[in-house]
């Protein structure tokens, strides 16, 4: 995934400003209240800053990736599906997929 950074370039700012929610439209809450698709809780999904700034969106998604790693899930699987969501929505995906 992208390296953590406090300052975003103008290109990164544009990418993150247009980033859709990290929800990948599975929405089945079976893992202790966490979605089996993105591992977010319902409250976390509602907290995504749809109209927030690029740095807020980036921080939210970086936290999601860290949570996936912490619970032993490979974030690349989520990232692959998220990339497809971005393509469907016609926006560039702000994350890279590491295998």
N, C-alpha and C. Protein backbone atom coordinates (compact mmCIF):
# COMPACT_ATOMS: atom_id res chain seq x y z
N UNK A 1 0.84 -1.16 0.00
CA UNK A 1 0.00 0.00 0.00
C UNK A 1 0.90 1.24 0.00
N UNK A 2 0.31 2.39 -0.06
CA UNK A 2 1.09 3.62 -0.09
C UNK A 2 1.84 3.80 1.22
N UNK A 3 3.02 4.39 1.14
CA UNK A 3 3.77 4.69 2.34
C UNK A 3 3.07 5.83 3.08
N UNK A 4 3.13 5.79 4.40
CA UNK A 4 2.50 6.84 5.18
C UNK A 4 3.31 8.12 5.05
N UNK A 5 2.60 9.21 4.90
CA UNK A 5 3.22 10.51 4.75
C UNK A 5 2.26 11.56 5.27
N UNK A 6 2.79 12.62 5.87
CA UNK A 6 1.91 13.65 6.38
C UNK A 6 1.53 14.65 5.29
N UNK A 7 2.41 14.90 4.35
CA UNK A 7 2.13 15.84 3.28
C UNK A 7 1.79 15.09 2.00
N UNK A 8 0.75 15.57 1.32
CA UNK A 8 0.36 14.96 0.06
C UNK A 8 0.76 15.87 -1.09
N UNK A 9 1.23 15.26 -2.17
CA UNK A 9 1.51 16.04 -3.37
C UNK A 9 0.17 16.46 -3.97
N UNK A 10 0.19 17.35 -4.94
CA UNK A 10 -1.07 17.78 -5.55
C UNK A 10 -1.75 16.60 -6.26
N UNK A 11 -0.95 15.70 -6.85
CA UNK A 11 -1.52 14.51 -7.50
C UNK A 11 -2.17 13.59 -6.47
N UNK A 12 -1.49 13.36 -5.34
CA UNK A 12 -2.05 12.53 -4.28
C UNK A 12 -3.30 13.17 -3.68
N UNK A 13 -3.29 14.47 -3.53
CA UNK A 13 -4.45 15.18 -3.00
C UNK A 13 -5.66 14.94 -3.88
N UNK A 14 -5.48 15.01 -5.19
CA UNK A 14 -6.58 14.77 -6.11
C UNK A 14 -7.07 13.32 -6.01
N UNK A 15 -6.14 12.37 -5.96
CA UNK A 15 -6.51 10.96 -5.83
C UNK A 15 -7.33 10.70 -4.58
N UNK A 16 -6.82 11.17 -3.45
CA UNK A 16 -7.49 10.89 -2.19
C UNK A 16 -8.79 11.68 -2.05
N UNK A 17 -8.87 12.85 -2.62
CA UNK A 17 -10.11 13.63 -2.55
C UNK A 17 -11.26 12.89 -3.22
N UNK A 18 -10.95 12.13 -4.26
CA UNK A 18 -11.98 11.42 -5.03
C UNK A 18 -12.19 9.98 -4.56
N UNK A 19 -11.44 9.55 -3.55
CA UNK A 19 -11.50 8.16 -3.08
C UNK A 19 -12.89 7.82 -2.55
N UNK A 20 -13.47 6.71 -3.04
CA UNK A 20 -14.76 6.27 -2.50
C UNK A 20 -14.58 5.57 -1.16
N UNK A 21 -15.68 5.29 -0.52
CA UNK A 21 -15.66 4.55 0.74
C UNK A 21 -14.92 3.23 0.56
N UNK A 22 -14.22 2.78 1.60
CA UNK A 22 -13.53 1.49 1.52
C UNK A 22 -14.47 0.29 1.58
N UNK A 23 -15.76 0.53 1.75
CA UNK A 23 -16.74 -0.56 1.74
C UNK A 23 -16.74 -1.18 0.34
N UNK A 24 -16.65 -2.51 0.27
CA UNK A 24 -16.62 -3.17 -1.03
C UNK A 24 -17.93 -3.90 -1.31
N UNK A 25 -18.99 -3.46 -0.65
CA UNK A 25 -20.36 -3.89 -0.92
C UNK A 25 -20.64 -5.37 -0.65
N UNK A 26 -20.00 -5.93 0.37
CA UNK A 26 -20.32 -7.28 0.82
C UNK A 26 -21.32 -7.19 1.97
N UNK A 27 -20.98 -6.39 2.97
CA UNK A 27 -21.85 -6.04 4.10
C UNK A 27 -22.51 -7.24 4.79
N UNK A 28 -21.68 -8.15 5.22
CA UNK A 28 -22.12 -9.28 6.05
C UNK A 28 -21.31 -9.23 7.34
N UNK A 29 -21.98 -8.99 8.44
CA UNK A 29 -21.32 -8.79 9.72
C UNK A 29 -21.29 -10.09 10.51
N UNK A 30 -20.22 -10.86 10.34
CA UNK A 30 -20.12 -12.15 11.01
C UNK A 30 -18.93 -12.25 11.95
N UNK A 31 -17.93 -11.47 11.74
CA UNK A 31 -16.71 -11.56 12.55
C UNK A 31 -16.77 -10.56 13.70
N UNK A 32 -17.44 -10.95 14.76
CA UNK A 32 -17.59 -10.08 15.95
C UNK A 32 -18.03 -8.68 15.56
N UNK A 33 -19.05 -8.61 14.70
CA UNK A 33 -19.60 -7.32 14.29
C UNK A 33 -18.84 -6.63 13.18
N UNK A 34 -17.86 -7.34 12.60
CA UNK A 34 -17.08 -6.76 11.50
C UNK A 34 -17.50 -7.40 10.18
N UNK A 35 -17.53 -6.59 9.14
CA UNK A 35 -17.90 -7.06 7.81
C UNK A 35 -16.86 -8.05 7.29
N UNK A 36 -17.33 -9.11 6.65
CA UNK A 36 -16.40 -10.10 6.10
C UNK A 36 -15.68 -9.58 4.86
N UNK A 37 -16.16 -8.48 4.26
CA UNK A 37 -15.53 -7.92 3.08
C UNK A 37 -14.43 -6.93 3.40
N UNK A 38 -14.73 -5.96 4.25
CA UNK A 38 -13.77 -4.88 4.53
C UNK A 38 -13.30 -4.85 5.98
N UNK A 39 -13.91 -5.65 6.84
CA UNK A 39 -13.59 -5.74 8.27
C UNK A 39 -13.98 -4.49 9.07
N UNK A 40 -14.79 -3.62 8.50
CA UNK A 40 -15.27 -2.47 9.26
C UNK A 40 -16.55 -2.83 10.00
N UNK A 41 -16.80 -2.14 11.10
CA UNK A 41 -18.08 -2.25 11.78
C UNK A 41 -19.05 -1.30 11.08
N UNK A 42 -20.32 -1.41 11.42
CA UNK A 42 -21.31 -0.49 10.84
C UNK A 42 -20.96 0.96 11.19
N UNK A 43 -20.54 1.20 12.42
CA UNK A 43 -20.18 2.56 12.84
C UNK A 43 -18.97 3.08 12.06
N UNK A 44 -17.98 2.22 11.82
CA UNK A 44 -16.82 2.64 11.06
C UNK A 44 -17.20 2.99 9.63
N UNK A 45 -18.10 2.20 9.03
CA UNK A 45 -18.55 2.50 7.67
C UNK A 45 -19.23 3.85 7.61
N UNK A 46 -20.02 4.17 8.63
CA UNK A 46 -20.70 5.45 8.67
C UNK A 46 -19.73 6.60 8.93
N UNK A 47 -18.59 6.30 9.53
CA UNK A 47 -17.63 7.34 9.89
C UNK A 47 -16.72 7.76 8.73
N UNK A 48 -16.73 7.01 7.62
CA UNK A 48 -15.86 7.37 6.51
C UNK A 48 -16.20 8.78 6.05
N UNK A 49 -15.19 9.62 5.96
CA UNK A 49 -15.44 11.03 5.62
C UNK A 49 -15.74 11.24 4.13
N UNK A 50 -16.98 10.91 3.72
CA UNK A 50 -17.38 11.08 2.32
C UNK A 50 -17.02 12.47 1.80
N UNK A 51 -17.26 13.47 2.61
CA UNK A 51 -16.97 14.83 2.20
C UNK A 51 -15.75 15.39 2.92
N UNK A 52 -15.01 14.51 3.55
CA UNK A 52 -13.81 14.93 4.27
C UNK A 52 -12.67 15.23 3.32
N UNK A 53 -11.62 15.76 3.86
CA UNK A 53 -10.46 16.09 3.06
C UNK A 53 -9.66 14.87 2.67
N UNK A 54 -8.78 15.03 1.72
CA UNK A 54 -7.96 13.92 1.24
C UNK A 54 -7.12 13.27 2.33
N UNK A 55 -6.56 14.07 3.23
CA UNK A 55 -5.73 13.49 4.29
C UNK A 55 -6.58 12.66 5.25
N UNK A 56 -7.83 13.08 5.49
CA UNK A 56 -8.72 12.31 6.36
C UNK A 56 -9.06 10.97 5.73
N UNK A 57 -9.34 10.98 4.43
CA UNK A 57 -9.66 9.74 3.73
C UNK A 57 -8.46 8.80 3.71
N UNK A 58 -7.29 9.36 3.45
CA UNK A 58 -6.07 8.55 3.42
C UNK A 58 -5.82 7.91 4.79
N UNK A 59 -5.95 8.70 5.85
CA UNK A 59 -5.72 8.19 7.20
C UNK A 59 -6.74 7.09 7.54
N UNK A 60 -7.99 7.28 7.14
CA UNK A 60 -9.03 6.30 7.41
C UNK A 60 -8.69 4.97 6.73
N UNK A 61 -8.31 5.03 5.45
CA UNK A 61 -8.01 3.80 4.71
C UNK A 61 -6.71 3.17 5.21
N UNK A 62 -5.72 3.97 5.59
CA UNK A 62 -4.50 3.40 6.16
C UNK A 62 -4.80 2.68 7.47
N UNK A 63 -5.71 3.21 8.27
CA UNK A 63 -6.12 2.56 9.51
C UNK A 63 -6.83 1.25 9.21
N UNK A 64 -7.68 1.25 8.20
CA UNK A 64 -8.37 0.03 7.78
C UNK A 64 -7.36 -1.05 7.38
N UNK A 65 -6.35 -0.67 6.60
CA UNK A 65 -5.33 -1.61 6.15
C UNK A 65 -4.56 -2.17 7.36
N UNK A 66 -4.22 -1.30 8.30
CA UNK A 66 -3.52 -1.74 9.51
C UNK A 66 -4.40 -2.70 10.32
N UNK A 67 -5.69 -2.42 10.39
CA UNK A 67 -6.61 -3.31 11.11
C UNK A 67 -6.69 -4.67 10.44
N UNK A 68 -6.73 -4.69 9.11
CA UNK A 68 -6.75 -5.96 8.39
C UNK A 68 -5.51 -6.79 8.72
N UNK A 69 -4.35 -6.13 8.70
CA UNK A 69 -3.10 -6.82 9.02
C UNK A 69 -3.12 -7.33 10.46
N UNK A 70 -3.63 -6.51 11.36
CA UNK A 70 -3.65 -6.86 12.78
C UNK A 70 -4.50 -8.10 13.06
N UNK A 71 -5.60 -8.26 12.33
CA UNK A 71 -6.46 -9.42 12.58
C UNK A 71 -6.05 -10.63 11.72
N UNK A 72 -4.93 -10.49 11.01
CA UNK A 72 -4.39 -11.62 10.26
C UNK A 72 -4.94 -11.79 8.86
N UNK A 73 -5.57 -10.76 8.32
CA UNK A 73 -6.09 -10.84 6.95
C UNK A 73 -5.13 -10.11 6.02
N UNK A 74 -4.96 -10.64 4.84
CA UNK A 74 -4.08 -10.02 3.85
C UNK A 74 -4.81 -8.84 3.21
N UNK A 75 -4.34 -7.61 3.42
CA UNK A 75 -5.01 -6.44 2.86
C UNK A 75 -5.04 -6.43 1.33
N UNK A 76 -4.19 -7.21 0.69
CA UNK A 76 -4.17 -7.24 -0.78
C UNK A 76 -5.49 -7.77 -1.34
N UNK A 77 -6.14 -8.67 -0.62
CA UNK A 77 -7.43 -9.19 -1.09
C UNK A 77 -8.49 -8.08 -1.09
N UNK A 78 -8.53 -7.31 0.00
CA UNK A 78 -9.46 -6.17 0.07
C UNK A 78 -9.08 -5.14 -1.00
N UNK A 79 -7.78 -4.84 -1.13
CA UNK A 79 -7.31 -3.83 -2.06
C UNK A 79 -7.67 -4.18 -3.51
N UNK A 80 -7.59 -5.44 -3.86
CA UNK A 80 -7.94 -5.89 -5.20
C UNK A 80 -9.40 -5.55 -5.52
N UNK A 81 -10.29 -5.86 -4.58
CA UNK A 81 -11.71 -5.58 -4.78
C UNK A 81 -11.98 -4.08 -4.75
N UNK A 82 -11.28 -3.36 -3.88
CA UNK A 82 -11.44 -1.90 -3.81
C UNK A 82 -11.02 -1.25 -5.13
N UNK A 83 -9.95 -1.76 -5.73
CA UNK A 83 -9.51 -1.23 -7.03
C UNK A 83 -10.61 -1.40 -8.06
N UNK A 84 -11.27 -2.53 -8.07
CA UNK A 84 -12.38 -2.77 -9.00
C UNK A 84 -13.54 -1.82 -8.72
N UNK A 85 -13.80 -1.54 -7.44
CA UNK A 85 -14.85 -0.59 -7.10
C UNK A 85 -14.52 0.79 -7.66
N UNK A 86 -13.29 1.21 -7.51
CA UNK A 86 -12.87 2.51 -8.05
C UNK A 86 -13.08 2.55 -9.56
N UNK A 87 -12.70 1.47 -10.24
CA UNK A 87 -12.88 1.41 -11.69
C UNK A 87 -14.35 1.51 -12.06
N UNK A 88 -15.22 0.79 -11.35
CA UNK A 88 -16.67 0.86 -11.62
C UNK A 88 -17.20 2.27 -11.44
N UNK A 89 -16.67 2.98 -10.44
CA UNK A 89 -17.12 4.34 -10.16
C UNK A 89 -16.42 5.38 -11.03
N UNK A 90 -15.47 4.95 -11.83
CA UNK A 90 -14.79 5.86 -12.75
C UNK A 90 -13.83 6.83 -12.09
N UNK A 91 -13.24 6.40 -10.97
CA UNK A 91 -12.26 7.24 -10.28
C UNK A 91 -10.95 6.48 -10.16
N UNK A 92 -9.82 7.17 -10.17
CA UNK A 92 -8.55 6.47 -9.99
C UNK A 92 -8.44 5.94 -8.57
N UNK A 93 -7.86 4.76 -8.44
CA UNK A 93 -7.69 4.15 -7.13
C UNK A 93 -6.46 4.75 -6.44
N UNK A 94 -6.62 5.22 -5.21
CA UNK A 94 -5.48 5.87 -4.54
C UNK A 94 -4.49 4.91 -3.90
N UNK A 95 -4.77 3.61 -3.92
CA UNK A 95 -3.87 2.65 -3.29
C UNK A 95 -3.25 1.74 -4.33
N UNK A 96 -2.11 1.19 -3.98
CA UNK A 96 -1.47 0.21 -4.84
C UNK A 96 -1.63 -1.16 -4.20
N UNK A 97 -1.60 -2.17 -5.00
CA UNK A 97 -1.78 -3.53 -4.49
C UNK A 97 -0.42 -4.20 -4.37
N UNK A 98 -0.12 -4.66 -3.15
CA UNK A 98 1.10 -5.42 -2.92
C UNK A 98 0.71 -6.86 -2.70
N UNK A 99 1.39 -7.76 -3.36
CA UNK A 99 1.06 -9.18 -3.21
C UNK A 99 1.90 -9.84 -2.17
